[in-house]
Every structure is written in structure tokens, then in C-alpha cells.
Amino acid sequence: MTTARQMRLAGCHDCGLLARLPHEHGHCPRCGGALHFRKPGSLAKTWALLIAAMILYIPANTLPMMITGSIVGTQSDTILSGVVYLWTSGDWPIAALVFFASIMVPLLKMIAILLLLITCQRRSRWAPQQRTRLYRLVEFVGRWSMLDIYVVTILAALVQVQSLASIAAGPAAVAFAIVVVLTMLSAMSFDPRLIWDPVDEEQEIPGETHDANH
């Protein structure tokens, strides 16, 4: 099977044009963007962004996400305690949404990116199609990663309008927003073509041997 790299073809990261690339790097003839067979330093950049996201994930879940004020006092809630507060207050749909978007989605995204990084760094040939689908899923979910920040903002506005209580975003909101941005950037910096490189190399060996025998 002939690959695009063997045919000296590379896709532009900016406009998506498939162009012929005689050397290891060049420029897109349509938009002038940089062309590479593989993103330079993809694994190193993705590792750096992912590790930073993992570090900030701790304060994002331990610092207060919501600060609730009422006539009886002020209460600071982390993401998890905020979920419990919303659940016990009867807002279980919002509680489930915040729990899934704030805790499960970032955690699963980081685990998925970590799996992709480890398997690519070890040049694993394990399930390349499934890993490619996993990467596409991570990229798709990244579009909805800020959903919980919007929920907290809308909830704060609704509570302040409809009752004597008030809800404000806490310092964890900043840390969590940075985590979201870092995970999105790490998914963007990862080059999914690295998943297929070991498979392509394995398929090239029999062909090279066959040609040598002739």
C-alpha cells in the first residue's frame, strides 16, 4: 500500500490542501502555510501541554468553583461539593451536567491523550484504527469542554435574578479554564499520522525484501 508520504504528499494544517512536498518541509502553494510530512516536535509539545494540564487539574478540583451567598452566610464549593449542592437542591440535571463536563470529560480526555502519546512513543502497532477514532473523539469533545463554565455563569445570573441568594465563580474556574485550553492545545499539537507510521514501516519491509530478491 502506497502512503501519501511515499508519494511526497502533505496536507496543509491551515487550509487543508494536499500538496506535493519535495523536501521535509515547505510552504502551501495556496495559503502559504507551513507544510510538513509530520508536525515538528509533535510528541514533545503534546507531552508538555498535557503535563501542565494534569498539574492544574488538581487546583481546578480542590479550589472553590462556586461561592454561594445568602442571608444566612457564604458557602464555598469545589466542583464536587457544588455538584452535591446542586443535587440536594433539586437541580439534578444541572448537577449531572456539571459533574460530567467538569470532572469526567477533562479526566477522560487526559487519559486518552496519555494513551495516544505512550503508544506512539513506543511505536506500537496496536489497534491503529481504534486509536485514530479515539483521537477524533477527543478533538470533537474539545469543542464542548467549556460547557461547565457556561453553566456556572448562567446559573449565577439566574440565581441572582430569581432569589435573594447569589452565586459567583471561584478561583477554580480560572484553573479549570486553563486546563480546558491546555487539553485542547495538546490535542491540536498531536499528529495522528504518527499512529500509522509503525504500521506503514512494517508493510514496507516485505516489499523492500521482494524487490531486493529480484
C-alpha atoms as a PDB file:
ATOM      1  CA  MET A   1       0.000   0.000   0.000  1.00  0.00           C
ATOM      2  CA  THR A   2       1.453   3.338  -1.084  1.00  0.00           C
ATOM      3  CA  THR A   3       1.201   6.106   1.517  1.00  0.00           C
ATOM      4  CA  ALA A   4       0.933   9.854   0.981  1.00  0.00           C
ATOM      5  CA  ARG A   5       4.405  10.308   2.436  1.00  0.00           C
ATOM      6  CA  GLN A   6       5.875   7.873  -0.073  1.00  0.00           C
ATOM      7  CA  MET A   7       4.220   9.924  -2.822  1.00  0.00           C
ATOM      8  CA  ARG A   8       5.706  13.107  -1.258  1.00  0.00           C
ATOM      9  CA  LEU A   9       2.235  14.496  -0.468  1.00  0.00           C
ATOM     10  CA  ALA A  10       1.444  16.511   2.655  1.00  0.00           C
ATOM     11  CA  GLY A  11      -1.723  18.185   3.889  1.00  0.00           C
ATOM     12  CA  CYS A  12      -1.705  21.856   4.844  1.00  0.00           C
ATOM     13  CA  HIS A  13      -2.578  22.422   8.516  1.00  0.00           C
ATOM     14  CA  ASP A  14      -4.212  25.771   7.693  1.00  0.00           C
ATOM     15  CA  CYS A  15      -6.340  25.303   4.557  1.00  0.00           C
ATOM     16  CA  GLY A  16      -6.296  21.500   4.158  1.00  0.00           C
ATOM     17  CA  LEU A  17      -4.794  21.486   0.648  1.00  0.00           C
ATOM     18  CA  LEU A  18      -2.966  18.280  -0.283  1.00  0.00           C
ATOM     19  CA  ALA A  19       0.248  19.425  -1.943  1.00  0.00           C
ATOM     20  CA  ARG A  20       3.428  17.801  -3.202  1.00  0.00           C
ATOM     21  CA  LEU A  21       6.366  18.345  -0.883  1.00  0.00           C
ATOM     22  CA  PRO A  22       9.773  17.555  -2.434  1.00  0.00           C
ATOM     23  CA  HIS A  23      11.648  18.099   0.847  1.00  0.00           C
ATOM     24  CA  GLU A  24      10.856  17.502   4.527  1.00  0.00           C
ATOM     25  CA  HIS A  25       9.245  20.933   4.832  1.00  0.00           C
ATOM     26  CA  GLY A  26       7.923  23.665   2.583  1.00  0.00           C
ATOM     27  CA  HIS A  27       5.007  26.063   2.122  1.00  0.00           C
ATOM     28  CA  CYS A  28       1.467  25.613   0.881  1.00  0.00           C
ATOM     29  CA  PRO A  29       1.036  26.932  -2.673  1.00  0.00           C
ATOM     30  CA  ARG A  30      -2.480  28.177  -1.837  1.00  0.00           C
ATOM     31  CA  CYS A  31      -2.236  29.887   1.560  1.00  0.00           C
ATOM     32  CA  GLY A  32       1.500  29.964   2.209  1.00  0.00           C
ATOM     33  CA  GLY A  33       1.225  27.955   5.429  1.00  0.00           C
ATOM     34  CA  ALA A  34       3.985  25.627   6.578  1.00  0.00           C
ATOM     35  CA  LEU A  35       3.917  22.103   5.145  1.00  0.00           C
ATOM     36  CA  HIS A  36       5.385  19.095   6.940  1.00  0.00           C
ATOM     37  CA  PHE A  37       5.052  15.367   6.500  1.00  0.00           C
ATOM     38  CA  ARG A  38       4.729  15.241  10.294  1.00  0.00           C
ATOM     39  CA  LYS A  39       4.194  18.084  12.763  1.00  0.00           C
ATOM     40  CA  PRO A  40       7.638  19.103  14.098  1.00  0.00           C
ATOM     41  CA  GLY A  41       8.094  18.182  17.757  1.00  0.00           C
ATOM     42  CA  SER A  42       4.535  16.888  17.996  1.00  0.00           C
ATOM     43  CA  LEU A  43       5.120  14.424  20.841  1.00  0.00           C
ATOM     44  CA  ALA A  44       7.252  16.817  22.918  1.00  0.00           C
ATOM     45  CA  LYS A  45       4.736  19.666  22.612  1.00  0.00           C
ATOM     46  CA  THR A  46       1.814  17.386  23.416  1.00  0.00           C
ATOM     47  CA  TRP A  47       3.620  15.960  26.453  1.00  0.00           C
ATOM     48  CA  ALA A  48       4.393  19.451  27.789  1.00  0.00           C
ATOM     49  CA  LEU A  49       0.822  20.686  27.373  1.00  0.00           C
ATOM     50  CA  LEU A  50      -0.652  17.509  28.854  1.00  0.00           C
ATOM     51  CA  ILE A  51       1.611  17.557  31.927  1.00  0.00           C
ATOM     52  CA  ALA A  52       0.723  21.200  32.549  1.00  0.00           C
ATOM     53  CA  ALA A  53      -2.983  20.344  32.261  1.00  0.00           C
ATOM     54  CA  MET A  54      -2.585  17.447  34.718  1.00  0.00           C
ATOM     55  CA  ILE A  55      -0.875  19.708  37.253  1.00  0.00           C
ATOM     56  CA  LEU A  56      -3.560  22.399  37.016  1.00  0.00           C
ATOM     57  CA  TYR A  57      -6.308  19.771  37.176  1.00  0.00           C
ATOM     58  CA  ILE A  58      -5.556  19.424  40.915  1.00  0.00           C
ATOM     59  CA  PRO A  59      -6.308  23.045  41.942  1.00  0.00           C
ATOM     60  CA  ALA A  60      -9.198  23.077  39.485  1.00  0.00           C
ATOM     61  CA  ASN A  61     -10.855  20.375  41.587  1.00  0.00           C
ATOM     62  CA  THR A  62      -9.680  21.397  45.064  1.00  0.00           C
ATOM     63  CA  LEU A  63     -10.177  25.180  44.980  1.00  0.00           C
ATOM     64  CA  PRO A  64     -13.689  26.680  45.188  1.00  0.00           C
ATOM     65  CA  MET A  65     -15.529  26.664  41.873  1.00  0.00           C
ATOM     66  CA  MET A  66     -18.687  28.408  43.150  1.00  0.00           C
ATOM     67  CA  ILE A  67     -19.110  30.853  46.001  1.00  0.00           C
ATOM     68  CA  THR A  68     -22.730  30.910  47.162  1.00  0.00           C
ATOM     69  CA  GLY A  69     -24.047  33.772  49.261  1.00  0.00           C
ATOM     70  CA  SER A  70     -27.389  34.094  51.029  1.00  0.00           C
ATOM     71  CA  ILE A  71     -28.975  35.783  54.018  1.00  0.00           C
ATOM     72  CA  VAL A  72     -27.577  33.056  56.268  1.00  0.00           C
ATOM     73  CA  GLY A  73     -23.967  33.345  55.134  1.00  0.00           C
ATOM     74  CA  THR A  74     -21.482  32.432  52.423  1.00  0.00           C
ATOM     75  CA  GLN A  75     -20.511  28.959  51.265  1.00  0.00           C
ATOM     76  CA  SER A  76     -17.596  27.985  49.024  1.00  0.00           C
ATOM     77  CA  ASP A  77     -17.960  24.834  46.944  1.00  0.00           C
ATOM     78  CA  THR A  78     -15.477  22.859  44.938  1.00  0.00           C
ATOM     79  CA  ILE A  79     -16.652  21.191  41.752  1.00  0.00           C
ATOM     80  CA  LEU A  80     -17.633  18.019  43.601  1.00  0.00           C
ATOM     81  CA  SER A  81     -19.262  19.744  46.561  1.00  0.00           C
ATOM     82  CA  GLY A  82     -21.013  22.057  44.104  1.00  0.00           C
ATOM     83  CA  VAL A  83     -22.412  19.025  42.334  1.00  0.00           C
ATOM     84  CA  VAL A  84     -23.665  17.704  45.681  1.00  0.00           C
ATOM     85  CA  TYR A  85     -25.171  21.118  46.491  1.00  0.00           C
ATOM     86  CA  LEU A  86     -26.993  21.278  43.172  1.00  0.00           C
ATOM     87  CA  TRP A  87     -28.212  17.685  43.569  1.00  0.00           C
ATOM     88  CA  THR A  88     -29.576  18.211  47.083  1.00  0.00           C
ATOM     89  CA  SER A  89     -31.181  21.487  45.958  1.00  0.00           C
ATOM     90  CA  GLY A  90     -33.199  19.582  43.372  1.00  0.00           C
ATOM     91  CA  ASP A  91     -31.232  20.726  40.337  1.00  0.00           C
ATOM     92  CA  TRP A  92     -30.095  17.194  39.497  1.00  0.00           C
ATOM     93  CA  PRO A  93     -29.954  17.717  35.693  1.00  0.00           C
ATOM     94  CA  ILE A  94     -27.517  20.613  36.132  1.00  0.00           C
ATOM     95  CA  ALA A  95     -25.639  18.621  38.784  1.00  0.00           C
ATOM     96  CA  ALA A  96     -25.199  15.692  36.390  1.00  0.00           C
ATOM     97  CA  LEU A  97     -24.153  18.033  33.587  1.00  0.00           C
ATOM     98  CA  VAL A  98     -21.561  19.833  35.728  1.00  0.00           C
ATOM     99  CA  PHE A  99     -20.204  16.522  37.070  1.00  0.00           C
ATOM    100  CA  PHE A 100     -19.816  15.052  33.596  1.00  0.00           C
ATOM    101  CA  ALA A 101     -18.391  18.186  31.975  1.00  0.00           C
ATOM    102  CA  SER A 102     -16.171  19.296  34.869  1.00  0.00           C
ATOM    103  CA  ILE A 103     -14.778  16.030  36.216  1.00  0.00           C
ATOM    104  CA  MET A 104     -15.281  13.186  33.767  1.00  0.00           C
ATOM    105  CA  VAL A 105     -14.639  14.893  30.413  1.00  0.00           C
ATOM    106  CA  PRO A 106     -11.272  16.533  31.286  1.00  0.00           C
ATOM    107  CA  LEU A 107     -10.094  13.370  33.066  1.00  0.00           C
ATOM    108  CA  LEU A 108     -11.053  11.078  30.197  1.00  0.00           C
ATOM    109  CA  LYS A 109      -9.506  13.475  27.666  1.00  0.00           C
ATOM    110  CA  MET A 110      -6.194  13.488  29.527  1.00  0.00           C
ATOM    111  CA  ILE A 111      -6.221   9.699  29.842  1.00  0.00           C
ATOM    112  CA  ALA A 112      -6.967   9.340  26.117  1.00  0.00           C
ATOM    113  CA  ILE A 113      -4.170  11.729  25.104  1.00  0.00           C
ATOM    114  CA  LEU A 114      -1.805   9.977  27.515  1.00  0.00           C
ATOM    115  CA  LEU A 115      -2.645   6.629  25.912  1.00  0.00           C
ATOM    116  CA  LEU A 116      -2.015   8.037  22.418  1.00  0.00           C
ATOM    117  CA  LEU A 117       1.304   9.537  23.483  1.00  0.00           C
ATOM    118  CA  ILE A 118       2.602   6.371  25.152  1.00  0.00           C
ATOM    119  CA  THR A 119       1.614   4.088  22.287  1.00  0.00           C
ATOM    120  CA  CYS A 120       3.104   6.426  19.664  1.00  0.00           C
ATOM    121  CA  GLN A 121       6.309   6.908  21.621  1.00  0.00           C
ATOM    122  CA  ARG A 122       6.680   3.146  21.946  1.00  0.00           C
ATOM    123  CA  ARG A 123       5.856   2.875  18.205  1.00  0.00           C
ATOM    124  CA  SER A 124       3.075   0.442  18.967  1.00  0.00           C
ATOM    125  CA  ARG A 125       1.112  -1.167  16.129  1.00  0.00           C
ATOM    126  CA  TRP A 126      -1.817  -1.912  18.426  1.00  0.00           C
ATOM    127  CA  ALA A 127      -5.293  -1.035  17.062  1.00  0.00           C
ATOM    128  CA  PRO A 128      -4.373   1.974  14.867  1.00  0.00           C
ATOM    129  CA  GLN A 129      -7.941   2.450  13.601  1.00  0.00           C
ATOM    130  CA  GLN A 130      -9.382   2.483  17.123  1.00  0.00           C
ATOM    131  CA  ARG A 131      -6.713   4.915  18.309  1.00  0.00           C
ATOM    132  CA  THR A 132      -7.418   7.196  15.352  1.00  0.00           C
ATOM    133  CA  ARG A 133     -11.125   7.185  16.235  1.00  0.00           C
ATOM    134  CA  LEU A 134     -10.188   7.924  19.833  1.00  0.00           C
ATOM    135  CA  TYR A 135      -8.184  10.954  18.710  1.00  0.00           C
ATOM    136  CA  ARG A 136     -11.087  12.223  16.602  1.00  0.00           C
ATOM    137  CA  LEU A 137     -13.408  11.802  19.584  1.00  0.00           C
ATOM    138  CA  VAL A 138     -11.030  13.781  21.810  1.00  0.00           C
ATOM    139  CA  GLU A 139     -10.899  16.550  19.217  1.00  0.00           C
ATOM    140  CA  PHE A 140     -14.699  16.607  18.934  1.00  0.00           C
ATOM    141  CA  VAL A 141     -15.254  16.678  22.694  1.00  0.00           C
ATOM    142  CA  GLY A 142     -12.823  19.577  22.942  1.00  0.00           C
ATOM    143  CA  ARG A 143     -15.428  21.834  21.347  1.00  0.00           C
ATOM    144  CA  TRP A 144     -17.734  21.320  24.345  1.00  0.00           C
ATOM    145  CA  SER A 145     -15.132  21.436  27.113  1.00  0.00           C
ATOM    146  CA  MET A 146     -16.124  24.923  28.307  1.00  0.00           C
ATOM    147  CA  LEU A 147     -19.730  23.867  28.828  1.00  0.00           C
ATOM    148  CA  ASP A 148     -19.475  23.747  32.611  1.00  0.00           C
ATOM    149  CA  ILE A 149     -18.036  27.282  32.770  1.00  0.00           C
ATOM    150  CA  TYR A 150     -21.091  28.468  30.830  1.00  0.00           C
ATOM    151  CA  VAL A 151     -23.352  26.519  33.194  1.00  0.00           C
ATOM    152  CA  VAL A 152     -21.827  28.187  36.269  1.00  0.00           C
ATOM    153  CA  THR A 153     -22.125  31.618  34.628  1.00  0.00           C
ATOM    154  CA  ILE A 154     -25.757  31.108  33.603  1.00  0.00           C
ATOM    155  CA  LEU A 155     -26.589  29.591  36.992  1.00  0.00           C
ATOM    156  CA  ALA A 156     -25.049  32.589  38.764  1.00  0.00           C
ATOM    157  CA  ALA A 157     -27.137  35.003  36.687  1.00  0.00           C
ATOM    158  CA  LEU A 158     -30.360  33.032  37.214  1.00  0.00           C
ATOM    159  CA  VAL A 159     -29.922  32.675  40.963  1.00  0.00           C
ATOM    160  CA  GLN A 160     -29.096  36.339  41.444  1.00  0.00           C
ATOM    161  CA  VAL A 161     -32.207  37.347  39.492  1.00  0.00           C
ATOM    162  CA  GLN A 162     -34.699  34.847  40.863  1.00  0.00           C
ATOM    163  CA  SER A 163     -33.801  34.729  44.569  1.00  0.00           C
ATOM    164  CA  LEU A 164     -32.060  36.504  47.423  1.00  0.00           C
ATOM    165  CA  ALA A 165     -29.037  34.234  47.031  1.00  0.00           C
ATOM    166  CA  SER A 166     -26.032  34.885  44.834  1.00  0.00           C
ATOM    167  CA  ILE A 167     -23.573  32.574  43.095  1.00  0.00           C
ATOM    168  CA  ALA A 168     -20.160  33.671  41.843  1.00  0.00           C
ATOM    169  CA  ALA A 169     -17.366  31.793  40.113  1.00  0.00           C
ATOM    170  CA  GLY A 170     -14.440  30.890  42.374  1.00  0.00           C
ATOM    171  CA  PRO A 171     -10.691  30.688  41.693  1.00  0.00           C
ATOM    172  CA  ALA A 172     -11.033  27.096  40.460  1.00  0.00           C
ATOM    173  CA  ALA A 173     -12.877  28.429  37.409  1.00  0.00           C
ATOM    174  CA  VAL A 174      -9.659  30.077  36.204  1.00  0.00           C
ATOM    175  CA  ALA A 175      -7.606  26.929  36.783  1.00  0.00           C
ATOM    176  CA  PHE A 176     -10.225  24.791  35.076  1.00  0.00           C
ATOM    177  CA  ALA A 177     -10.459  27.125  32.077  1.00  0.00           C
ATOM    178  CA  ILE A 178      -6.679  26.853  31.672  1.00  0.00           C
ATOM    179  CA  VAL A 179      -6.931  23.047  31.908  1.00  0.00           C
ATOM    180  CA  VAL A 180      -9.531  23.079  29.145  1.00  0.00           C
ATOM    181  CA  VAL A 181      -7.363  25.271  26.916  1.00  0.00           C
ATOM    182  CA  LEU A 182      -4.265  23.147  27.556  1.00  0.00           C
ATOM    183  CA  THR A 183      -6.055  19.887  26.735  1.00  0.00           C
ATOM    184  CA  MET A 184      -7.440  21.418  23.542  1.00  0.00           C
ATOM    185  CA  LEU A 185      -3.969  22.627  22.541  1.00  0.00           C
ATOM    186  CA  SER A 186      -2.436  19.242  23.362  1.00  0.00           C
ATOM    187  CA  ALA A 187      -4.982  17.507  21.110  1.00  0.00           C
ATOM    188  CA  MET A 188      -4.253  20.043  18.347  1.00  0.00           C
ATOM    189  CA  SER A 189      -0.474  19.602  18.656  1.00  0.00           C
ATOM    190  CA  PHE A 190      -0.695  15.806  18.473  1.00  0.00           C
ATOM    191  CA  ASP A 191      -0.143  14.419  14.982  1.00  0.00           C
ATOM    192  CA  PRO A 192      -2.447  11.397  14.440  1.00  0.00           C
ATOM    193  CA  ARG A 193      -0.352  10.306  11.462  1.00  0.00           C
ATOM    194  CA  LEU A 194       2.234   9.107  13.986  1.00  0.00           C
ATOM    195  CA  ILE A 195      -0.199   6.322  14.884  1.00  0.00           C
ATOM    196  CA  TRP A 196       0.193   4.824  11.411  1.00  0.00           C
ATOM    197  CA  ASP A 197       3.938   5.240  10.921  1.00  0.00           C
ATOM    198  CA  PRO A 198       4.914   1.904  12.573  1.00  0.00           C
ATOM    199  CA  VAL A 199       2.208   0.109  10.547  1.00  0.00           C
ATOM    200  CA  ASP A 200       3.444   1.651   7.291  1.00  0.00           C
ATOM    201  CA  GLU A 201       7.048   0.743   8.099  1.00  0.00           C
ATOM    202  CA  GLU A 202       6.042  -2.846   8.791  1.00  0.00           C
ATOM    203  CA  GLN A 203       4.266  -3.029   5.426  1.00  0.00           C
ATOM    204  CA  GLU A 204       7.251  -1.546   3.579  1.00  0.00           C
ATOM    205  CA  ILE A 205       9.678  -4.249   4.757  1.00  0.00           C
ATOM    206  CA  PRO A 206       8.203  -7.174   2.760  1.00  0.00           C
ATOM    207  CA  GLY A 207       8.090  -5.019  -0.375  1.00  0.00           C
ATOM    208  CA  GLU A 208      11.712  -3.994   0.025  1.00  0.00           C
ATOM    209  CA  THR A 209      12.724  -7.622   0.532  1.00  0.00           C
ATOM    210  CA  HIS A 210      10.757  -8.693  -2.525  1.00  0.00           C
ATOM    211  CA  ASP A 211      12.440  -6.008  -4.658  1.00  0.00           C
ATOM    212  CA  ALA A 212      15.871  -6.993  -3.380  1.00  0.00           C
ATOM    213  CA  ASN A 213      15.321 -10.626  -4.379  1.00  0.00           C
ATOM    214  CA  HIS A 214      14.620  -9.531  -7.908  1.00  0.00           C
END
